[in-house]
Amino acid sequence: MDDEILGVEQAPGVAELETLKDQYRRTNKGLDAERELLEEAVREGRYADEQAFELGNQIEEAGRSRLDEIQRRIDAHCSKYGLRDHAFSATWSEEE
């Protein structure tokens, strides 16, 4: 990508890894947006506390499942291409 423009060759699998990492970040941001929408709905009184708690749990469980699946794909991809230096884990702190 940018490295290709500059004439620097990327290791095999790096571009695909970046795509997976971007997918992880986008999914995580989407989950943040879902949480914020739920919080807003609770503040506006659209849900009782018990309903909000249940919905919050559903969002967290579904989100964790999606993020875990993407993380497994990242780990498998890194293992396949030997890209340990390029990987990140679910505890990776986002720059954005």
PDB file of N, CA and C in Angstrom:
ATOM      1  N   MET A   1       0.826  -1.153   0.000  1.00  0.00           N
ATOM      2  CA  MET A   1       0.000   0.000   0.000  1.00  0.00           C
ATOM      3  C   MET A   1       0.886   1.237   0.000  1.00  0.00           C
ATOM      4  N   ASP A   2       1.020   1.947   1.126  1.00  0.00           N
ATOM      5  CA  ASP A   2       1.922   3.088   1.149  1.00  0.00           C
ATOM      6  C   ASP A   2       3.354   2.617   0.938  1.00  0.00           C
ATOM      7  N   ASP A   3       3.683   1.451   1.526  1.00  0.00           N
ATOM      8  CA  ASP A   3       5.020   0.905   1.350  1.00  0.00           C
ATOM      9  C   ASP A   3       5.292   0.575  -0.111  1.00  0.00           C
ATOM     10  N   GLU A   4       4.266   0.093  -0.811  1.00  0.00           N
ATOM     11  CA  GLU A   4       4.440  -0.245  -2.217  1.00  0.00           C
ATOM     12  C   GLU A   4       4.709   1.012  -3.036  1.00  0.00           C
ATOM     13  N   ILE A   5       4.043   2.096  -2.686  1.00  0.00           N
ATOM     14  CA  ILE A   5       4.247   3.356  -3.385  1.00  0.00           C
ATOM     15  C   ILE A   5       5.679   3.831  -3.188  1.00  0.00           C
ATOM     16  N   LEU A   6       6.197   3.631  -1.998  1.00  0.00           N
ATOM     17  CA  LEU A   6       7.554   4.062  -1.690  1.00  0.00           C
ATOM     18  C   LEU A   6       8.601   3.078  -2.200  1.00  0.00           C
ATOM     19  N   GLY A   7       8.167   1.980  -2.765  1.00  0.00           N
ATOM     20  CA  GLY A   7       9.102   0.997  -3.297  1.00  0.00           C
ATOM     21  C   GLY A   7       9.618   0.023  -2.266  1.00  0.00           C
ATOM     22  N   VAL A   8       9.032   0.016  -1.075  1.00  0.00           N
ATOM     23  CA  VAL A   8       9.427  -0.905  -0.024  1.00  0.00           C
ATOM     24  C   VAL A   8       8.546  -2.144  -0.155  1.00  0.00           C
ATOM     25  N   GLU A   9       9.166  -3.288  -0.211  1.00  0.00           N
ATOM     26  CA  GLU A   9       8.403  -4.519  -0.370  1.00  0.00           C
ATOM     27  C   GLU A   9       7.903  -5.007   0.986  1.00  0.00           C
ATOM     28  N   GLN A  10       6.626  -5.365   1.045  1.00  0.00           N
ATOM     29  CA  GLN A  10       6.044  -5.888   2.272  1.00  0.00           C
ATOM     30  C   GLN A  10       6.267  -7.394   2.333  1.00  0.00           C
ATOM     31  N   ALA A  11       6.330  -7.894   3.547  1.00  0.00           N
ATOM     32  CA  ALA A  11       6.411  -9.339   3.747  1.00  0.00           C
ATOM     33  C   ALA A  11       5.112  -9.964   3.245  1.00  0.00           C
ATOM     34  N   PRO A  12       5.183 -11.196   2.770  1.00  0.00           N
ATOM     35  CA  PRO A  12       3.960 -11.864   2.297  1.00  0.00           C
ATOM     36  C   PRO A  12       2.913 -11.910   3.408  1.00  0.00           C
ATOM     37  N   GLY A  13       1.682 -11.595   3.064  1.00  0.00           N
ATOM     38  CA  GLY A  13       0.578 -11.658   4.008  1.00  0.00           C
ATOM     39  C   GLY A  13       0.318 -10.390   4.788  1.00  0.00           C
ATOM     40  N   VAL A  14       1.183  -9.389   4.699  1.00  0.00           N
ATOM     41  CA  VAL A  14       1.016  -8.168   5.490  1.00  0.00           C
ATOM     42  C   VAL A  14      -0.229  -7.394   5.065  1.00  0.00           C
ATOM     43  N   ALA A  15      -0.474  -7.277   3.772  1.00  0.00           N
ATOM     44  CA  ALA A  15      -1.642  -6.531   3.309  1.00  0.00           C
ATOM     45  C   ALA A  15      -2.931  -7.181   3.803  1.00  0.00           C
ATOM     46  N   GLU A  16      -2.994  -8.502   3.729  1.00  0.00           N
ATOM     47  CA  GLU A  16      -4.180  -9.209   4.211  1.00  0.00           C
ATOM     48  C   GLU A  16      -4.338  -9.038   5.719  1.00  0.00           C
ATOM     49  N   LEU A  17      -3.217  -9.031   6.432  1.00  0.00           N
ATOM     50  CA  LEU A  17      -3.260  -8.831   7.877  1.00  0.00           C
ATOM     51  C   LEU A  17      -3.799  -7.445   8.202  1.00  0.00           C
ATOM     52  N   GLU A  18      -3.364  -6.452   7.464  1.00  0.00           N
ATOM     53  CA  GLU A  18      -3.861  -5.093   7.690  1.00  0.00           C
ATOM     54  C   GLU A  18      -5.366  -5.028   7.471  1.00  0.00           C
ATOM     55  N   THR A  19      -5.865  -5.753   6.488  1.00  0.00           N
ATOM     56  CA  THR A  19      -7.303  -5.802   6.238  1.00  0.00           C
ATOM     57  C   THR A  19      -8.031  -6.414   7.428  1.00  0.00           C
ATOM     58  N   LEU A  20      -7.490  -7.498   7.977  1.00  0.00           N
ATOM     59  CA  LEU A  20      -8.094  -8.129   9.150  1.00  0.00           C
ATOM     60  C   LEU A  20      -8.060  -7.194  10.359  1.00  0.00           C
ATOM     61  N   LYS A  21      -6.942  -6.510  10.550  1.00  0.00           N
ATOM     62  CA  LYS A  21      -6.831  -5.577  11.668  1.00  0.00           C
ATOM     63  C   LYS A  21      -7.827  -4.427  11.515  1.00  0.00           C
ATOM     64  N   ASP A  22      -8.005  -3.954  10.287  1.00  0.00           N
ATOM     65  CA  ASP A  22      -8.998  -2.901  10.039  1.00  0.00           C
ATOM     66  C   ASP A  22     -10.402  -3.405  10.340  1.00  0.00           C
ATOM     67  N   GLN A  23     -10.686  -4.654   9.969  1.00  0.00           N
ATOM     68  CA  GLN A  23     -11.985  -5.248  10.261  1.00  0.00           C
ATOM     69  C   GLN A  23     -12.212  -5.305  11.775  1.00  0.00           C
ATOM     70  N   TYR A  24     -11.194  -5.670  12.523  1.00  0.00           N
ATOM     71  CA  TYR A  24     -11.284  -5.716  13.982  1.00  0.00           C
ATOM     72  C   TYR A  24     -11.604  -4.324  14.537  1.00  0.00           C
ATOM     73  N   ARG A  25     -10.866  -3.325  14.067  1.00  0.00           N
ATOM     74  CA  ARG A  25     -11.081  -1.954  14.550  1.00  0.00           C
ATOM     75  C   ARG A  25     -12.486  -1.453  14.216  1.00  0.00           C
ATOM     76  N   ARG A  26     -12.934  -1.699  12.970  1.00  0.00           N
ATOM     77  CA  ARG A  26     -14.274  -1.256  12.570  1.00  0.00           C
ATOM     78  C   ARG A  26     -15.352  -1.948  13.406  1.00  0.00           C
ATOM     79  N   THR A  27     -15.179  -3.235  13.641  1.00  0.00           N
ATOM     80  CA  THR A  27     -16.143  -3.980  14.450  1.00  0.00           C
ATOM     81  C   THR A  27     -16.171  -3.431  15.873  1.00  0.00           C
ATOM     82  N   ASN A  28     -15.012  -3.175  16.430  1.00  0.00           N
ATOM     83  CA  ASN A  28     -14.928  -2.633  17.781  1.00  0.00           C
ATOM     84  C   ASN A  28     -15.605  -1.261  17.861  1.00  0.00           C
ATOM     85  N   LYS A  29     -15.386  -0.424  16.862  1.00  0.00           N
ATOM     86  CA  LYS A  29     -16.025   0.892  16.842  1.00  0.00           C
ATOM     87  C   LYS A  29     -17.537   0.756  16.708  1.00  0.00           C
ATOM     88  N   GLY A  30     -17.983  -0.210  15.909  1.00  0.00           N
ATOM     89  CA  GLY A  30     -19.410  -0.460  15.771  1.00  0.00           C
ATOM     90  C   GLY A  30     -20.040  -0.871  17.094  1.00  0.00           C
ATOM     91  N   LEU A  31     -19.322  -1.683  17.847  1.00  0.00           N
ATOM     92  CA  LEU A  31     -19.812  -2.096  19.164  1.00  0.00           C
ATOM     93  C   LEU A  31     -19.890  -0.906  20.112  1.00  0.00           C
ATOM     94  N   ASP A  32     -18.904  -0.038  20.037  1.00  0.00           N
ATOM     95  CA  ASP A  32     -18.937   1.180  20.854  1.00  0.00           C
ATOM     96  C   ASP A  32     -20.182   2.007  20.518  1.00  0.00           C
ATOM     97  N   ALA A  33     -20.487   2.103  19.224  1.00  0.00           N
ATOM     98  CA  ALA A  33     -21.662   2.861  18.793  1.00  0.00           C
ATOM     99  C   ALA A  33     -22.947   2.214  19.306  1.00  0.00           C
ATOM    100  N   GLU A  34     -23.021   0.885  19.277  1.00  0.00           N
ATOM    101  CA  GLU A  34     -24.196   0.179  19.798  1.00  0.00           C
ATOM    102  C   GLU A  34     -24.361   0.449  21.289  1.00  0.00           C
ATOM    103  N   ARG A  35     -23.259   0.420  22.024  1.00  0.00           N
ATOM    104  CA  ARG A  35     -23.313   0.695  23.469  1.00  0.00           C
ATOM    105  C   ARG A  35     -23.821   2.117  23.724  1.00  0.00           C
ATOM    106  N   GLU A  36     -23.322   3.066  22.935  1.00  0.00           N
ATOM    107  CA  GLU A  36     -23.735   4.458  23.106  1.00  0.00           C
ATOM    108  C   GLU A  36     -25.222   4.642  22.802  1.00  0.00           C
ATOM    109  N   LEU A  37     -25.714   3.950  21.765  1.00  0.00           N
ATOM    110  CA  LEU A  37     -27.138   4.030  21.444  1.00  0.00           C
ATOM    111  C   LEU A  37     -27.993   3.466  22.576  1.00  0.00           C
ATOM    112  N   LEU A  38     -27.540   2.373  23.152  1.00  0.00           N
ATOM    113  CA  LEU A  38     -28.267   1.791  24.277  1.00  0.00           C
ATOM    114  C   LEU A  38     -28.261   2.751  25.469  1.00  0.00           C
ATOM    115  N   GLU A  39     -27.110   3.338  25.762  1.00  0.00           N
ATOM    116  CA  GLU A  39     -27.033   4.291  26.879  1.00  0.00           C
ATOM    117  C   GLU A  39     -27.975   5.464  26.655  1.00  0.00           C
ATOM    118  N   GLU A  40     -28.025   5.949  25.426  1.00  0.00           N
ATOM    119  CA  GLU A  40     -28.926   7.063  25.104  1.00  0.00           C
ATOM    120  C   GLU A  40     -30.385   6.647  25.291  1.00  0.00           C
ATOM    121  N   ALA A  41     -30.717   5.449  24.837  1.00  0.00           N
ATOM    122  CA  ALA A  41     -32.088   4.954  24.983  1.00  0.00           C
ATOM    123  C   ALA A  41     -32.465   4.813  26.450  1.00  0.00           C
ATOM    124  N   VAL A  42     -31.532   4.381  27.279  1.00  0.00           N
ATOM    125  CA  VAL A  42     -31.795   4.248  28.712  1.00  0.00           C
ATOM    126  C   VAL A  42     -32.016   5.628  29.327  1.00  0.00           C
ATOM    127  N   ARG A  43     -31.161   6.593  28.969  1.00  0.00           N
ATOM    128  CA  ARG A  43     -31.312   7.958  29.488  1.00  0.00           C
ATOM    129  C   ARG A  43     -32.675   8.551  29.109  1.00  0.00           C
ATOM    130  N   GLU A  44     -33.148   8.200  27.914  1.00  0.00           N
ATOM    131  CA  GLU A  44     -34.431   8.719  27.444  1.00  0.00           C
ATOM    132  C   GLU A  44     -35.613   7.926  27.998  1.00  0.00           C
ATOM    133  N   GLY A  45     -35.329   6.888  28.770  1.00  0.00           N
ATOM    134  CA  GLY A  45     -36.392   6.122  29.414  1.00  0.00           C
ATOM    135  C   GLY A  45     -37.074   5.102  28.519  1.00  0.00           C
ATOM    136  N   ARG A  46     -36.452   4.744  27.413  1.00  0.00           N
ATOM    137  CA  ARG A  46     -37.074   3.770  26.506  1.00  0.00           C
ATOM    138  C   ARG A  46     -36.959   2.337  27.010  1.00  0.00           C
ATOM    139  N   TYR A  47     -36.069   2.103  27.958  1.00  0.00           N
ATOM    140  CA  TYR A  47     -35.889   0.770  28.520  1.00  0.00           C
ATOM    141  C   TYR A  47     -35.840   0.852  30.037  1.00  0.00           C
ATOM    142  N   ALA A  48     -36.438  -0.132  30.653  1.00  0.00           N
ATOM    143  CA  ALA A  48     -36.301  -0.284  32.101  1.00  0.00           C
ATOM    144  C   ALA A  48     -34.895  -0.799  32.374  1.00  0.00           C
ATOM    145  N   ASP A  49     -34.448  -0.653  33.614  1.00  0.00           N
ATOM    146  CA  ASP A  49     -33.095  -1.077  33.965  1.00  0.00           C
ATOM    147  C   ASP A  49     -32.832  -2.536  33.618  1.00  0.00           C
ATOM    148  N   GLU A  50     -33.800  -3.392  33.918  1.00  0.00           N
ATOM    149  CA  GLU A  50     -33.622  -4.826  33.643  1.00  0.00           C
ATOM    150  C   GLU A  50     -33.499  -5.088  32.141  1.00  0.00           C
ATOM    151  N   GLN A  51     -34.328  -4.419  31.350  1.00  0.00           N
ATOM    152  CA  GLN A  51     -34.256  -4.568  29.892  1.00  0.00           C
ATOM    153  C   GLN A  51     -32.904  -4.066  29.370  1.00  0.00           C
ATOM    154  N   ALA A  52     -32.479  -2.930  29.866  1.00  0.00           N
ATOM    155  CA  ALA A  52     -31.210  -2.358  29.429  1.00  0.00           C
ATOM    156  C   ALA A  52     -30.054  -3.279  29.784  1.00  0.00           C
ATOM    157  N   PHE A  53     -30.118  -3.863  30.983  1.00  0.00           N
ATOM    158  CA  PHE A  53     -29.073  -4.785  31.411  1.00  0.00           C
ATOM    159  C   PHE A  53     -29.005  -5.982  30.461  1.00  0.00           C
ATOM    160  N   GLU A  54     -30.162  -6.541  30.141  1.00  0.00           N
ATOM    161  CA  GLU A  54     -30.219  -7.702  29.238  1.00  0.00           C
ATOM    162  C   GLU A  54     -29.719  -7.331  27.835  1.00  0.00           C
ATOM    163  N   LEU A  55     -30.162  -6.216  27.322  1.00  0.00           N
ATOM    164  CA  LEU A  55     -29.693  -5.772  26.005  1.00  0.00           C
ATOM    165  C   LEU A  55     -28.194  -5.513  26.008  1.00  0.00           C
ATOM    166  N   GLY A  56     -27.710  -4.903  27.063  1.00  0.00           N
ATOM    167  CA  GLY A  56     -26.272  -4.654  27.186  1.00  0.00           C
ATOM    168  C   GLY A  56     -25.484  -5.951  27.171  1.00  0.00           C
ATOM    169  N   ASN A  57     -25.972  -6.945  27.890  1.00  0.00           N
ATOM    170  CA  ASN A  57     -25.310  -8.258  27.895  1.00  0.00           C
ATOM    171  C   ASN A  57     -25.318  -8.889  26.509  1.00  0.00           C
ATOM    172  N   GLN A  58     -26.437  -8.771  25.808  1.00  0.00           N
ATOM    173  CA  GLN A  58     -26.530  -9.330  24.456  1.00  0.00           C
ATOM    174  C   GLN A  58     -25.540  -8.649  23.511  1.00  0.00           C
ATOM    175  N   ILE A  59     -25.445  -7.336  23.620  1.00  0.00           N
ATOM    176  CA  ILE A  59     -24.494  -6.592  22.784  1.00  0.00           C
ATOM    177  C   ILE A  59     -23.068  -7.045  23.086  1.00  0.00           C
ATOM    178  N   GLU A  60     -22.740  -7.153  24.375  1.00  0.00           N
ATOM    179  CA  GLU A  60     -21.385  -7.549  24.758  1.00  0.00           C
ATOM    180  C   GLU A  60     -21.052  -8.960  24.286  1.00  0.00           C
ATOM    181  N   GLU A  61     -21.980  -9.893  24.476  1.00  0.00           N
ATOM    182  CA  GLU A  61     -21.732 -11.278  24.077  1.00  0.00           C
ATOM    183  C   GLU A  61     -21.570 -11.405  22.561  1.00  0.00           C
ATOM    184  N   ALA A  62     -22.464 -10.773  21.823  1.00  0.00           N
ATOM    185  CA  ALA A  62     -22.375 -10.833  20.361  1.00  0.00           C
ATOM    186  C   ALA A  62     -21.097 -10.152  19.879  1.00  0.00           C
ATOM    187  N   GLY A  63     -20.785  -9.020  20.481  1.00  0.00           N
ATOM    188  CA  GLY A  63     -19.579  -8.291  20.090  1.00  0.00           C
ATOM    189  C   GLY A  63     -18.317  -9.074  20.391  1.00  0.00           C
ATOM    190  N   ARG A  64     -18.255  -9.662  21.574  1.00  0.00           N
ATOM    191  CA  ARG A  64     -17.077 -10.452  21.948  1.00  0.00           C
ATOM    192  C   ARG A  64     -16.926 -11.633  20.997  1.00  0.00           C
ATOM    193  N   SER A  65     -18.041 -12.239  20.629  1.00  0.00           N
ATOM    194  CA  SER A  65     -17.996 -13.365  19.695  1.00  0.00           C
ATOM    195  C   SER A  65     -17.422 -12.931  18.344  1.00  0.00           C
ATOM    196  N   ARG A  66     -17.888 -11.784  17.841  1.00  0.00           N
ATOM    197  CA  ARG A  66     -17.375 -11.274  16.555  1.00  0.00           C
ATOM    198  C   ARG A  66     -15.892 -10.921  16.651  1.00  0.00           C
ATOM    199  N   LEU A  67     -15.519 -10.230  17.733  1.00  0.00           N
ATOM    200  CA  LEU A  67     -14.114  -9.835  17.888  1.00  0.00           C
ATOM    201  C   LEU A  67     -13.214 -11.057  18.080  1.00  0.00           C
ATOM    202  N   ASP A  68     -13.687 -12.030  18.837  1.00  0.00           N
ATOM    203  CA  ASP A  68     -12.893 -13.253  19.034  1.00  0.00           C
ATOM    204  C   ASP A  68     -12.673 -13.984  17.718  1.00  0.00           C
ATOM    205  N   GLU A  69     -13.699 -14.039  16.878  1.00  0.00           N
ATOM    206  CA  GLU A  69     -13.571 -14.707  15.576  1.00  0.00           C
ATOM    207  C   GLU A  69     -12.534 -13.987  14.702  1.00  0.00           C
ATOM    208  N   ILE A  70     -12.602 -12.675  14.671  1.00  0.00           N
ATOM    209  CA  ILE A  70     -11.623 -11.916  13.884  1.00  0.00           C
ATOM    210  C   ILE A  70     -10.227 -12.125  14.456  1.00  0.00           C
ATOM    211  N   GLN A  71     -10.106 -12.127  15.786  1.00  0.00           N
ATOM    212  CA  GLN A  71      -8.799 -12.344  16.411  1.00  0.00           C
ATOM    213  C   GLN A  71      -8.250 -13.721  16.051  1.00  0.00           C
ATOM    214  N   ARG A  72      -9.115 -14.738  16.026  1.00  0.00           N
ATOM    215  CA  ARG A  72      -8.662 -16.086  15.627  1.00  0.00           C
ATOM    216  C   ARG A  72      -8.145 -16.071  14.190  1.00  0.00           C
ATOM    217  N   ARG A  73      -8.840 -15.336  13.324  1.00  0.00           N
ATOM    218  CA  ARG A  73      -8.390 -15.230  11.929  1.00  0.00           C
ATOM    219  C   ARG A  73      -7.045 -14.509  11.843  1.00  0.00           C
ATOM    220  N   ILE A  74      -6.878 -13.474  12.658  1.00  0.00           N
ATOM    221  CA  ILE A  74      -5.603 -12.745  12.685  1.00  0.00           C
ATOM    222  C   ILE A  74      -4.487 -13.674  13.163  1.00  0.00           C
ATOM    223  N   ASP A  75      -4.745 -14.390  14.253  1.00  0.00           N
ATOM    224  CA  ASP A  75      -3.733 -15.300  14.794  1.00  0.00           C
ATOM    225  C   ASP A  75      -3.356 -16.379  13.784  1.00  0.00           C
ATOM    226  N   ALA A  76      -4.358 -16.947  13.121  1.00  0.00           N
ATOM    227  CA  ALA A  76      -4.092 -17.992  12.127  1.00  0.00           C
ATOM    228  C   ALA A  76      -3.303 -17.431  10.953  1.00  0.00           C
ATOM    229  N   HIS A  77      -3.658 -16.241  10.531  1.00  0.00           N
ATOM    230  CA  HIS A  77      -2.961 -15.602   9.409  1.00  0.00           C
ATOM    231  C   HIS A  77      -1.504 -15.327   9.785  1.00  0.00           C
ATOM    232  N   CYS A  78      -1.288 -14.808  10.985  1.00  0.00           N
ATOM    233  CA  CYS A  78       0.076 -14.518  11.437  1.00  0.00           C
ATOM    234  C   CYS A  78       0.891 -15.799  11.539  1.00  0.00           C
ATOM    235  N   SER A  79       0.261 -16.841  12.024  1.00  0.00           N
ATOM    236  CA  SER A  79       0.950 -18.123  12.127  1.00  0.00           C
ATOM    237  C   SER A  79       1.327 -18.650  10.742  1.00  0.00           C
ATOM    238  N   LYS A  80       0.405 -18.542   9.811  1.00  0.00           N
ATOM    239  CA  LYS A  80       0.636 -19.026   8.445  1.00  0.00           C
ATOM    240  C   LYS A  80       1.796 -18.285   7.778  1.00  0.00           C
ATOM    241  N   TYR A  81       1.866 -16.974   7.985  1.00  0.00           N
ATOM    242  CA  TYR A  81       2.879 -16.160   7.313  1.00  0.00           C
ATOM    243  C   TYR A  81       4.049 -15.765   8.216  1.00  0.00           C
ATOM    244  N   GLY A  82       4.043 -16.209   9.459  1.00  0.00           N
ATOM    245  CA  GLY A  82       5.128 -15.859  10.377  1.00  0.00           C
ATOM    246  C   GLY A  82       5.203 -14.368  10.644  1.00  0.00           C
ATOM    247  N   LEU A  83       4.077 -13.755  10.908  1.00  0.00           N
ATOM    248  CA  LEU A  83       3.998 -12.297  11.058  1.00  0.00           C
ATOM    249  C   LEU A  83       3.838 -11.866  12.513  1.00  0.00           C
ATOM    250  N   ARG A  84       4.532 -12.454  13.407  1.00  0.00           N
ATOM    251  CA  ARG A  84       4.396 -12.141  14.829  1.00  0.00           C
ATOM    252  C   ARG A  84       4.588 -10.647  15.133  1.00  0.00           C
ATOM    253  N   ASP A  85       5.522  -9.997  14.474  1.00  0.00           N
ATOM    254  CA  ASP A  85       5.803  -8.585  14.745  1.00  0.00           C
ATOM    255  C   ASP A  85       4.671  -7.669  14.290  1.00  0.00           C
ATOM    256  N   HIS A  86       3.824  -8.153  13.400  1.00  0.00           N
ATOM    257  CA  HIS A  86       2.766  -7.318  12.846  1.00  0.00           C
ATOM    258  C   HIS A  86       1.420  -7.537  13.528  1.00  0.00           C
ATOM    259  N   ALA A  87       1.320  -8.546  14.361  1.00  0.00           N
ATOM    260  CA  ALA A  87       0.042  -8.914  14.969  1.00  0.00           C
ATOM    261  C   ALA A  87      -0.288  -8.021  16.146  1.00  0.00           C
ATOM    262  N   PHE A  88      -1.520  -8.089  16.546  1.00  0.00           N
ATOM    263  CA  PHE A  88      -1.937  -7.474  17.794  1.00  0.00           C
ATOM    264  C   PHE A  88      -2.962  -8.383  18.429  1.00  0.00           C
ATOM    265  N   SER A  89      -3.145  -8.229  19.715  1.00  0.00           N
ATOM    266  CA  SER A  89      -4.101  -9.081  20.411  1.00  0.00           C
ATOM    267  C   SER A  89      -5.336  -8.260  20.739  1.00  0.00           C
ATOM    268  N   ALA A  90      -6.309  -8.928  21.297  1.00  0.00           N
ATOM    269  CA  ALA A  90      -7.560  -8.270  21.653  1.00  0.00           C
ATOM    270  C   ALA A  90      -7.324  -7.156  22.669  1.00  0.00           C
ATOM    271  N   THR A  91      -6.207  -7.155  23.341  1.00  0.00           N
ATOM    272  CA  THR A  91      -5.918  -6.094  24.311  1.00  0.00           C
ATOM    273  C   THR A  91      -5.103  -4.966  23.681  1.00  0.00           C
ATOM    274  N   TRP A  92      -4.864  -5.050  22.380  1.00  0.00           N
ATOM    275  CA  TRP A  92      -4.125  -4.026  21.656  1.00  0.00           C
ATOM    276  C   TRP A  92      -4.858  -2.699  21.807  1.00  0.00           C
ATOM    277  N   SER A  93      -4.137  -1.638  22.097  1.00  0.00           N
ATOM    278  CA  SER A  93      -4.796  -0.343  22.263  1.00  0.00           C
ATOM    279  C   SER A  93      -4.870   0.352  20.916  1.00  0.00           C
ATOM    280  N   GLU A  94      -6.048   0.829  20.609  1.00  0.00           N
ATOM    281  CA  GLU A  94      -6.279   1.466  19.313  1.00  0.00           C
ATOM    282  C   GLU A  94      -5.679   2.862  19.279  1.00  0.00           C
ATOM    283  N   GLU A  95      -5.187   3.224  18.119  1.00  0.00           N
ATOM    284  CA  GLU A  95      -4.603   4.553  17.936  1.00  0.00           C
ATOM    285  C   GLU A  95      -5.674   5.575  17.598  1.00  0.00           C
ATOM    286  N   GLU A  96      -6.819   5.099  17.118  1.00  0.00           N
ATOM    287  CA  GLU A  96      -7.855   6.012  16.648  1.00  0.00           C
ATOM    288  C   GLU A  96      -8.805   6.385  17.741  1.00  0.00           C
TER     289      GLU A  96
END
